PDB file of N, CA and C in Angstrom:
ATOM      1  N   MET A   1      90.656 142.932  75.989  1.00  0.00           N
ATOM      2  CA  MET A   1      90.030 144.231  76.159  1.00  0.00           C
ATOM      3  C   MET A   1      91.054 145.353  75.987  1.00  0.00           C
ATOM      4  N   GLN A   2      92.324 145.058  76.248  1.00  0.00           N
ATOM      5  CA  GLN A   2      93.339 146.105  76.147  1.00  0.00           C
ATOM      6  C   GLN A   2      93.575 146.514  74.700  1.00  0.00           C
ATOM      7  N   ASP A   3      93.374 145.583  73.768  1.00  0.00           N
ATOM      8  CA  ASP A   3      93.616 145.872  72.357  1.00  0.00           C
ATOM      9  C   ASP A   3      92.399 146.489  71.677  1.00  0.00           C
ATOM     10  N   CYS A   4      91.293 146.665  72.418  1.00  0.00           N
ATOM     11  CA  CYS A   4      90.058 147.171  71.825  1.00  0.00           C
ATOM     12  C   CYS A   4      90.008 148.689  71.860  1.00  0.00           C
ATOM     13  N   GLU A   5      89.255 149.220  70.924  1.00  0.00           N
ATOM     14  CA  GLU A   5      88.960 150.655  70.933  1.00  0.00           C
ATOM     15  C   GLU A   5      87.949 150.934  72.035  1.00  0.00           C
ATOM     16  N   GLN A   6      87.830 152.188  72.415  1.00  0.00           N
ATOM     17  CA  GLN A   6      86.891 152.598  73.465  1.00  0.00           C
ATOM     18  C   GLN A   6      85.459 152.182  73.112  1.00  0.00           C
ATOM     19  N   ASP A   7      85.060 152.378  71.853  1.00  0.00           N
ATOM     20  CA  ASP A   7      83.703 152.003  71.417  1.00  0.00           C
ATOM     21  C   ASP A   7      83.489 150.492  71.534  1.00  0.00           C
ATOM     22  N   GLU A   8      84.501 149.721  71.169  1.00  0.00           N
ATOM     23  CA  GLU A   8      84.400 148.263  71.245  1.00  0.00           C
ATOM     24  C   GLU A   8      84.286 147.795  72.688  1.00  0.00           C
ATOM     25  N   ARG A   9      85.052 148.417  73.584  1.00  0.00           N
ATOM     26  CA  ARG A   9      84.955 148.067  75.011  1.00  0.00           C
ATOM     27  C   ARG A   9      83.557 148.319  75.548  1.00  0.00           C
ATOM     28  N   ALA A  10      83.029 149.483  75.192  1.00  0.00           N
ATOM     29  CA  ALA A  10      81.676 149.821  75.652  1.00  0.00           C
ATOM     30  C   ALA A  10      80.668 148.797  75.130  1.00  0.00           C
ATOM     31  N   GLY A  11      80.812 148.381  73.879  1.00  0.00           N
ATOM     32  CA  GLY A  11      79.914 147.377  73.296  1.00  0.00           C
ATOM     33  C   GLY A  11      80.037 146.030  73.980  1.00  0.00           C
ATOM     34  N   ILE A  12      81.264 145.639  74.280  1.00  0.00           N
ATOM     35  CA  ILE A  12      81.495 144.364  74.963  1.00  0.00           C
ATOM     36  C   ILE A  12      80.884 144.385  76.361  1.00  0.00           C
ATOM     37  N   LEU A  13      81.073 145.483  77.074  1.00  0.00           N
ATOM     38  CA  LEU A  13      80.504 145.592  78.429  1.00  0.00           C
ATOM     39  C   LEU A  13      78.979 145.609  78.392  1.00  0.00           C
ATOM     40  N   THR A  14      78.407 146.292  77.419  1.00  0.00           N
ATOM     41  CA  THR A  14      76.945 146.314  77.278  1.00  0.00           C
ATOM     42  C   THR A  14      76.421 144.912  76.989  1.00  0.00           C
ATOM     43  N   LEU A  15      77.098 144.210  76.089  1.00  0.00           N
ATOM     44  CA  LEU A  15      76.695 142.843  75.759  1.00  0.00           C
ATOM     45  C   LEU A  15      76.825 141.919  76.968  1.00  0.00           C
ATOM     46  N   ALA A  16      77.890 142.071  77.746  1.00  0.00           N
ATOM     47  CA  ALA A  16      78.078 141.257  78.947  1.00  0.00           C
ATOM     48  C   ALA A  16      76.975 141.538  79.971  1.00  0.00           C
ATOM     49  N   ASP A  17      76.587 142.801  80.111  1.00  0.00           N
ATOM     50  CA  ASP A  17      75.491 143.152  81.031  1.00  0.00           C
ATOM     51  C   ASP A  17      74.184 142.513  80.583  1.00  0.00           C
ATOM     52  N   LYS A  18      73.896 142.579  79.294  1.00  0.00           N
ATOM     53  CA  LYS A  18      72.659 141.975  78.779  1.00  0.00           C
ATOM     54  C   LYS A  18      72.659 140.467  78.988  1.00  0.00           C
ATOM     55  N   LEU A  19      73.799 139.839  78.748  1.00  0.00           N
ATOM     56  CA  LEU A  19      73.904 138.395  78.938  1.00  0.00           C
ATOM     57  C   LEU A  19      73.710 138.018  80.404  1.00  0.00           C
ATOM     58  N   ARG A  20      74.288 138.800  81.324  1.00  0.00           N
ATOM     59  CA  ARG A  20      74.105 138.547  82.758  1.00  0.00           C
ATOM     60  C   ARG A  20      72.626 138.657  83.125  1.00  0.00           C
ATOM     61  N   ASN A  21      71.951 139.674  82.610  1.00  0.00           N
ATOM     62  CA  ASN A  21      70.531 139.867  82.907  1.00  0.00           C
ATOM     63  C   ASN A  21      69.697 138.688  82.402  1.00  0.00           C
ATOM     64  N   ILE A  22      69.985 138.242  81.185  1.00  0.00           N
ATOM     65  CA  ILE A  22      69.239 137.122  80.607  1.00  0.00           C
ATOM     66  C   ILE A  22      69.458 135.857  81.430  1.00  0.00           C
ATOM     67  N   CYS A  23      70.691 135.582  81.788  1.00  0.00           N
ATOM     68  CA  CYS A  23      71.004 134.383  82.594  1.00  0.00           C
ATOM     69  C   CYS A  23      70.327 134.444  83.958  1.00  0.00           C
ATOM     70  N   PHE A  24      70.318 135.616  84.569  1.00  0.00           N
ATOM     71  CA  PHE A  24      69.674 135.773  85.873  1.00  0.00           C
ATOM     72  C   PHE A  24      68.190 135.452  85.780  1.00  0.00           C
ATOM     73  N   VAL A  25      67.520 136.013  84.778  1.00  0.00           N
ATOM     74  CA  VAL A  25      66.079 135.803  84.629  1.00  0.00           C
ATOM     75  C   VAL A  25      65.780 134.329  84.330  1.00  0.00           C
ATOM     76  N   GLN A  26      66.600 133.696  83.488  1.00  0.00           N
ATOM     77  CA  GLN A  26      66.366 132.287  83.157  1.00  0.00           C
ATOM     78  C   GLN A  26      66.531 131.369  84.362  1.00  0.00           C
ATOM     79  N   GLU A  27      67.324 131.765  85.329  1.00  0.00           N
ATOM     80  CA  GLU A  27      67.568 130.921  86.494  1.00  0.00           C
ATOM     81  C   GLU A  27      66.592 131.178  87.635  1.00  0.00           C
ATOM     82  N   LEU A  28      65.655 132.106  87.475  1.00  0.00           N
ATOM     83  CA  LEU A  28      64.645 132.309  88.505  1.00  0.00           C
ATOM     84  C   LEU A  28      63.802 131.049  88.613  1.00  0.00           C
ATOM     85  N   TYR A  29      63.429 130.660  89.832  1.00  0.00           N
ATOM     86  CA  TYR A  29      62.781 129.363  90.046  1.00  0.00           C
ATOM     87  C   TYR A  29      61.350 129.305  89.536  1.00  0.00           C
ATOM     88  N   SER A  30      60.700 130.439  89.401  1.00  0.00           N
ATOM     89  CA  SER A  30      59.285 130.455  89.030  1.00  0.00           C
ATOM     90  C   SER A  30      59.107 131.008  87.616  1.00  0.00           C
ATOM     91  N   ASP A  31      58.393 130.249  86.784  1.00  0.00           N
ATOM     92  CA  ASP A  31      58.087 130.733  85.436  1.00  0.00           C
ATOM     93  C   ASP A  31      57.261 132.013  85.495  1.00  0.00           C
ATOM     94  N   ARG A  32      56.411 132.109  86.488  1.00  0.00           N
ATOM     95  CA  ARG A  32      55.574 133.305  86.644  1.00  0.00           C
ATOM     96  C   ARG A  32      56.440 134.535  86.893  1.00  0.00           C
ATOM     97  N   ILE A  33      57.430 134.402  87.759  1.00  0.00           N
ATOM     98  CA  ILE A  33      58.324 135.529  88.050  1.00  0.00           C
ATOM     99  C   ILE A  33      59.145 135.869  86.816  1.00  0.00           C
ATOM    100  N   GLN A  34      59.613 134.858  86.095  1.00  0.00           N
ATOM    101  CA  GLN A  34      60.361 135.106  84.860  1.00  0.00           C
ATOM    102  C   GLN A  34      59.531 135.926  83.880  1.00  0.00           C
ATOM    103  N   THR A  35      58.273 135.539  83.705  1.00  0.00           N
ATOM    104  CA  THR A  35      57.392 136.240  82.771  1.00  0.00           C
ATOM    105  C   THR A  35      57.169 137.682  83.201  1.00  0.00           C
ATOM    106  N   ILE A  36      56.939 137.894  84.482  1.00  0.00           N
ATOM    107  CA  ILE A  36      56.710 139.253  84.985  1.00  0.00           C
ATOM    108  C   ILE A  36      57.947 140.114  84.798  1.00  0.00           C
ATOM    109  N   VAL A  37      59.114 139.578  85.127  1.00  0.00           N
ATOM    110  CA  VAL A  37      60.361 140.349  84.988  1.00  0.00           C
ATOM    111  C   VAL A  37      60.613 140.687  83.523  1.00  0.00           C
ATOM    112  N   ARG A  38      60.404 139.718  82.641  1.00  0.00           N
ATOM    113  CA  ARG A  38      60.600 139.986  81.207  1.00  0.00           C
ATOM    114  C   ARG A  38      59.622 141.036  80.695  1.00  0.00           C
ATOM    115  N   SER A  39      58.388 141.000  81.172  1.00  0.00           N
ATOM    116  CA  SER A  39      57.383 141.946  80.686  1.00  0.00           C
ATOM    117  C   SER A  39      57.674 143.385  81.105  1.00  0.00           C
ATOM    118  N   ARG A  40      58.401 143.558  82.202  1.00  0.00           N
ATOM    119  CA  ARG A  40      58.754 144.906  82.657  1.00  0.00           C
ATOM    120  C   ARG A  40      59.843 145.534  81.784  1.00  0.00           C
ATOM    121  N   ASN A  41      60.574 144.692  81.066  1.00  0.00           N
ATOM    122  CA  ASN A  41      61.569 145.149  80.105  1.00  0.00           C
ATOM    123  C   ASN A  41      62.648 146.050  80.718  1.00  0.00           C
ATOM    124  N   HIS A  42      63.108 145.707  81.897  1.00  0.00           N
ATOM    125  CA  HIS A  42      64.173 146.472  82.544  1.00  0.00           C
ATOM    126  C   HIS A  42      65.503 146.182  81.857  1.00  0.00           C
ATOM    127  N   SER A  43      66.334 147.197  81.733  1.00  0.00           N
ATOM    128  CA  SER A  43      67.676 146.976  81.179  1.00  0.00           C
ATOM    129  C   SER A  43      68.729 147.015  82.278  1.00  0.00           C
ATOM    130  N   ASN A  44      68.362 147.519  83.438  1.00  0.00           N
ATOM    131  CA  ASN A  44      69.267 147.659  84.569  1.00  0.00           C
ATOM    132  C   ASN A  44      69.137 146.430  85.474  1.00  0.00           C
ATOM    133  N   PHE A  45      70.264 145.822  85.827  1.00  0.00           N
ATOM    134  CA  PHE A  45      70.230 144.607  86.659  1.00  0.00           C
ATOM    135  C   PHE A  45      69.562 144.862  88.005  1.00  0.00           C
ATOM    136  N   ASP A  46      69.825 146.015  88.605  1.00  0.00           N
ATOM    137  CA  ASP A  46      69.223 146.313  89.909  1.00  0.00           C
ATOM    138  C   ASP A  46      67.698 146.320  89.836  1.00  0.00           C
ATOM    139  N   ASP A  47      67.143 146.862  88.748  1.00  0.00           N
ATOM    140  CA  ASP A  47      65.691 146.877  88.574  1.00  0.00           C
ATOM    141  C   ASP A  47      65.145 145.462  88.373  1.00  0.00           C
ATOM    142  N   ILE A  48      65.878 144.656  87.615  1.00  0.00           N
ATOM    143  CA  ILE A  48      65.465 143.264  87.386  1.00  0.00           C
ATOM    144  C   ILE A  48      65.443 142.498  88.707  1.00  0.00           C
ATOM    145  N   ALA A  49      66.517 142.617  89.476  1.00  0.00           N
ATOM    146  CA  ALA A  49      66.604 141.904  90.755  1.00  0.00           C
ATOM    147  C   ALA A  49      65.532 142.384  91.725  1.00  0.00           C
ATOM    148  N   GLU A  50      65.270 143.682  91.765  1.00  0.00           N
ATOM    149  CA  GLU A  50      64.253 144.227  92.663  1.00  0.00           C
ATOM    150  C   GLU A  50      62.867 143.709  92.297  1.00  0.00           C
ATOM    151  N   THR A  51      62.550 143.689  91.004  1.00  0.00           N
ATOM    152  CA  THR A  51      61.258 143.168  90.564  1.00  0.00           C
ATOM    153  C   THR A  51      61.114 141.694  90.933  1.00  0.00           C
ATOM    154  N   ALA A  52      62.175 140.927  90.717  1.00  0.00           N
ATOM    155  CA  ALA A  52      62.132 139.502  91.052  1.00  0.00           C
ATOM    156  C   ALA A  52      61.899 139.301  92.542  1.00  0.00           C
ATOM    157  N   LEU A  53      62.583 140.076  93.367  1.00  0.00           N
ATOM    158  CA  LEU A  53      62.409 139.965  94.821  1.00  0.00           C
ATOM    159  C   LEU A  53      61.002 140.362  95.254  1.00  0.00           C
ATOM    160  N   GLU A  54      60.470 141.423  94.657  1.00  0.00           N
ATOM    161  CA  GLU A  54      59.104 141.849  95.003  1.00  0.00           C
ATOM    162  C   GLU A  54      58.087 140.773  94.653  1.00  0.00           C
ATOM    163  N   GLU A  55      58.222 140.181  93.477  1.00  0.00           N
ATOM    164  CA  GLU A  55      57.277 139.149  93.057  1.00  0.00           C
ATOM    165  C   GLU A  55      57.417 137.887  93.904  1.00  0.00           C
ATOM    166  N   GLU A  56      58.656 137.524  94.234  1.00  0.00           N
ATOM    167  CA  GLU A  56      58.877 136.368  95.096  1.00  0.00           C
ATOM    168  C   GLU A  56      58.258 136.598  96.473  1.00  0.00           C
ATOM    169  N   SER A  57      58.400 137.805  96.992  1.00  0.00           N
ATOM    170  CA  SER A  57      57.821 138.145  98.287  1.00  0.00           C
ATOM    171  C   SER A  57      56.298 138.088  98.234  1.00  0.00           C
ATOM    172  N   ALA A  58      55.719 138.565  97.129  1.00  0.00           N
ATOM    173  CA  ALA A  58      54.259 138.528  96.983  1.00  0.00           C
ATOM    174  C   ALA A  58      53.756 137.089  96.945  1.00  0.00           C
ATOM    175  N   ILE A  59      54.456 136.219  96.240  1.00  0.00           N
ATOM    176  CA  ILE A  59      54.064 134.810  96.180  1.00  0.00           C
ATOM    177  C   ILE A  59      54.186 134.167  97.553  1.00  0.00           C
ATOM    178  N   PHE A  60      55.278 134.450  98.263  1.00  0.00           N
ATOM    179  CA  PHE A  60      55.478 133.902  99.596  1.00  0.00           C
ATOM    180  C   PHE A  60      54.369 134.359 100.542  1.00  0.00           C
ATOM    181  N   SER A  61      54.017 135.648 100.481  1.00  0.00           N
ATOM    182  CA  SER A  61      52.957 136.180 101.343  1.00  0.00           C
ATOM    183  C   SER A  61      51.625 135.500 101.046  1.00  0.00           C
ATOM    184  N   LYS A  62      51.342 135.309  99.765  1.00  0.00           N
ATOM    185  CA  LYS A  62      50.089 134.652  99.379  1.00  0.00           C
ATOM    186  C   LYS A  62      50.056 133.221  99.912  1.00  0.00           C
ATOM    187  N   ASN A  63      51.170 132.515  99.782  1.00  0.00           N
ATOM    188  CA  ASN A  63      51.231 131.138 100.286  1.00  0.00           C
ATOM    189  C   ASN A  63      51.084 131.091 101.799  1.00  0.00           C
ATOM    190  N   GLU A  64      51.672 132.047 102.496  1.00  0.00           N
ATOM    191  CA  GLU A  64      51.553 132.096 103.958  1.00  0.00           C
ATOM    192  C   GLU A  64      50.109 132.362 104.378  1.00  0.00           C
ATOM    193  N   ARG A  65      49.438 133.273 103.662  1.00  0.00           N
ATOM    194  CA  ARG A  65      48.030 133.553 103.987  1.00  0.00           C
ATOM    195  C   ARG A  65      47.184 132.311 103.778  1.00  0.00           C
ATOM    196  N   TYR A  66      47.430 131.605 102.688  1.00  0.00           N
ATOM    197  CA  TYR A  66      46.658 130.398 102.394  1.00  0.00           C
ATOM    198  C   TYR A  66      46.933 129.324 103.439  1.00  0.00           C
ATOM    199  N   LYS A  67      48.202 129.170 103.803  1.00  0.00           N
ATOM    200  CA  LYS A  67      48.574 128.156 104.791  1.00  0.00           C
ATOM    201  C   LYS A  67      47.929 128.465 106.137  1.00  0.00           C
ATOM    202  N   ASN A  68      47.911 129.728 106.541  1.00  0.00           N
ATOM    203  CA  ASN A  68      47.306 130.112 107.815  1.00  0.00           C
ATOM    204  C   ASN A  68      45.798 129.933 107.800  1.00  0.00           C
ATOM    205  N   SER A  69      45.166 130.189 106.659  1.00  0.00           N
ATOM    206  CA  SER A  69      43.710 130.046 106.612  1.00  0.00           C
ATOM    207  C   SER A  69      43.306 128.579 106.694  1.00  0.00           C
ATOM    208  N   SER A  70      44.144 127.670 106.162  1.00  0.00           N
ATOM    209  CA  SER A  70      43.795 126.255 106.247  1.00  0.00           C
ATOM    210  C   SER A  70      43.953 125.735 107.675  1.00  0.00           C
ATOM    211  N   ALA A  71      44.835 126.346 108.456  1.00  0.00           N
ATOM    212  CA  ALA A  71      45.014 125.925 109.843  1.00  0.00           C
ATOM    213  C   ALA A  71      43.793 126.286 110.685  1.00  0.00           C
ATOM    214  N   GLU A  72      43.047 127.284 110.248  1.00  0.00           N
ATOM    215  CA  GLU A  72      41.866 127.723 110.974  1.00  0.00           C
ATOM    216  C   GLU A  72      40.597 127.042 110.468  1.00  0.00           C
ATOM    217  N   SER A  73      40.722 126.125 109.522  1.00  0.00           N
ATOM    218  CA  SER A  73      39.562 125.451 108.961  1.00  0.00           C
ATOM    219  C   SER A  73      38.911 124.571 110.014  1.00  0.00           C
ATOM    220  N   PRO A  74      37.582 124.468 109.962  1.00  0.00           N
ATOM    221  CA  PRO A  74      36.898 123.600 110.925  1.00  0.00           C
ATOM    222  C   PRO A  74      37.187 122.132 110.619  1.00  0.00           C
ATOM    223  N   LYS A  75      37.111 121.312 111.653  1.00  0.00           N
ATOM    224  CA  LYS A  75      37.338 119.878 111.505  1.00  0.00           C
ATOM    225  C   LYS A  75      36.046 119.144 111.831  1.00  0.00           C
ATOM    226  N   CYS A  76      35.676 118.247 110.975  1.00  0.00           N
ATOM    227  CA  CYS A  76      34.439 117.489 111.133  1.00  0.00           C
ATOM    228  C   CYS A  76      34.600 116.437 112.225  1.00  0.00           C
ATOM    229  N   SER A  77      33.652 116.383 113.137  1.00  0.00           N
ATOM    230  CA  SER A  77      33.706 115.376 114.197  1.00  0.00           C
ATOM    231  C   SER A  77      33.140 114.030 113.718  1.00  0.00           C
ATOM    232  N   ASN A  78      32.555 114.029 112.533  1.00  0.00           N
ATOM    233  CA  ASN A  78      31.994 112.804 111.973  1.00  0.00           C
ATOM    234  C   ASN A  78      33.051 112.004 111.196  1.00  0.00           C
ATOM    235  N   CYS A  79      33.767 112.674 110.274  1.00  0.00           N
ATOM    236  CA  CYS A  79      34.743 111.964 109.433  1.00  0.00           C
ATOM    237  C   CYS A  79      36.186 112.399 109.714  1.00  0.00           C
ATOM    238  N   ASN A  80      36.356 113.381 110.602  1.00  0.00           N
ATOM    239  CA  ASN A  80      37.667 113.904 110.998  1.00  0.00           C
ATOM    240  C   ASN A  80      38.442 114.591 109.870  1.00  0.00           C
ATOM    241  N   LYS A  81      37.750 115.084 108.858  1.00  0.00           N
ATOM    242  CA  LYS A  81      38.396 115.818 107.772  1.00  0.00           C
ATOM    243  C   LYS A  81      38.243 117.319 108.001  1.00  0.00           C
ATOM    244  N   LEU A  82      39.206 118.082 107.460  1.00  0.00           N
ATOM    245  CA  LEU A  82      39.173 119.533 107.593  1.00  0.00           C
ATOM    246  C   LEU A  82      38.273 120.157 106.530  1.00  0.00           C
ATOM    247  N   GLY A  83      37.738 121.321 106.844  1.00  0.00           N
ATOM    248  CA  GLY A  83      37.003 122.097 105.860  1.00  0.00           C
ATOM    249  C   GLY A  83      35.504 122.130 106.035  1.00  0.00           C
ATOM    250  N   HIS A  84      34.976 121.306 106.899  1.00  0.00           N
ATOM    251  CA  HIS A  84      33.535 121.323 107.149  1.00  0.00           C
ATOM    252  C   HIS A  84      33.264 120.793 108.554  1.00  0.00           C
ATOM    253  N   VAL A  85      32.020 120.943 108.982  1.00  0.00           N
ATOM    254  CA  VAL A  85      31.613 120.463 110.306  1.00  0.00           C
ATOM    255  C   VAL A  85      30.645 119.290 110.126  1.00  0.00           C
ATOM    256  N   ALA A  86      30.371 118.580 111.209  1.00  0.00           N
ATOM    257  CA  ALA A  86      29.570 117.358 111.145  1.00  0.00           C
ATOM    258  C   ALA A  86      28.177 117.604 110.565  1.00  0.00           C
ATOM    259  N   SER A  87      27.580 118.753 110.857  1.00  0.00           N
ATOM    260  CA  SER A  87      26.231 119.014 110.335  1.00  0.00           C
ATOM    261  C   SER A  87      26.225 119.159 108.817  1.00  0.00           C
ATOM    262  N   ARG A  88      27.370 119.424 108.214  1.00  0.00           N
ATOM    263  CA  ARG A  88      27.479 119.565 106.760  1.00  0.00           C
ATOM    264  C   ARG A  88      28.271 118.412 106.132  1.00  0.00           C
ATOM    265  N   CYS A  89      28.509 117.365 106.872  1.00  0.00           N
ATOM    266  CA  CYS A  89      29.346 116.257 106.414  1.00  0.00           C
ATOM    267  C   CYS A  89      28.637 115.462 105.321  1.00  0.00           C
ATOM    268  N   TYR A  90      29.334 115.216 104.239  1.00  0.00           N
ATOM    269  CA  TYR A  90      28.752 114.444 103.145  1.00  0.00           C
ATOM    270  C   TYR A  90      28.726 112.946 103.456  1.00  0.00           C
ATOM    271  N   LEU A  91      29.469 112.532 104.450  1.00  0.00           N
ATOM    272  CA  LEU A  91      29.469 111.123 104.846  1.00  0.00           C
ATOM    273  C   LEU A  91      28.429 110.821 105.925  1.00  0.00           C
ATOM    274  N   LYS A  92      27.771 111.841 106.444  1.00  0.00           N
ATOM    275  CA  LYS A  92      26.820 111.662 107.537  1.00  0.00           C
ATOM    276  C   LYS A  92      25.697 110.700 107.143  1.00  0.00           C
ATOM    277  N   ASP A  93      25.133 110.890 105.962  1.00  0.00           N
ATOM    278  CA  ASP A  93      24.040 110.017 105.528  1.00  0.00           C
ATOM    279  C   ASP A  93      24.512 108.588 105.329  1.00  0.00           C
ATOM    280  N   ARG A  94      25.690 108.404 104.804  1.00  0.00           N
ATOM    281  CA  ARG A  94      26.233 107.057 104.614  1.00  0.00           C
ATOM    282  C   ARG A  94      26.461 106.353 105.951  1.00  0.00           C
ATOM    283  N   LYS A  95      26.928 107.090 106.945  1.00  0.00           N
ATOM    284  CA  LYS A  95      27.194 106.510 108.236  1.00  0.00           C
ATOM    285  C   LYS A  95      25.874 106.088 108.902  1.00  0.00           C
ATOM    286  N   ILE A  96      24.873 106.921 108.758  1.00  0.00           N
ATOM    287  CA  ILE A  96      23.559 106.601 109.331  1.00  0.00           C
ATOM    288  C   ILE A  96      22.963 105.372 108.632  1.00  0.00           C
ATOM    289  N   GLN A  97      23.073 105.310 107.295  1.00  0.00           N
ATOM    290  CA  GLN A  97      22.551 104.154 106.554  1.00  0.00           C
ATOM    291  C   GLN A  97      23.298 102.878 106.944  1.00  0.00           C
ATOM    292  N   GLY A  98      24.598 102.998 107.212  1.00  0.00           N
ATOM    293  CA  GLY A  98      25.377 101.835 107.632  1.00  0.00           C
ATOM    294  C   GLY A  98      24.910 101.295 108.962  1.00  0.00           C
ATOM    295  N   LEU A  99      24.437 102.174 109.848  1.00  0.00           N
ATOM    296  CA  LEU A  99      23.935 101.742 111.160  1.00  0.00           C
ATOM    297  C   LEU A  99      22.568 101.079 111.029  1.00  0.00           C
ATOM    298  N   ILE A 100      21.776 101.545 110.084  1.00  0.00           N
ATOM    299  CA  ILE A 100      20.427 100.998 109.897  1.00  0.00           C
ATOM    300  C   ILE A 100      20.491  99.634 109.226  1.00  0.00           C
ATOM    301  N   ASN A 101      21.324  99.472 108.208  1.00  0.00           N
ATOM    302  CA  ASN A 101      21.394  98.206 107.448  1.00  0.00           C
ATOM    303  C   ASN A 101      22.052  97.135 108.210  1.00  0.00           C
TER     304      ASN A 101
END
């Protein structure tokens, strides 16, 4: 870098910044986040990192909401599965037929 002209140094630093940004985006764990960050077309690393963090937080929040809603799901007293109650159990008729036969 010491032997370079001022213009060449600026070009090298710009290229290094672009390469860092590309590597950062490629190493994001989610393809969805990668696509969103690329679509925003940020050239500044801080903007890229902020977008990635916002999207990661949104995904985490969505997963937490889904996880909490499944914990509140009703449990069937007939088959002991989550998501329905005994009056709506699809195994209820089979269990009754098994007792009759």
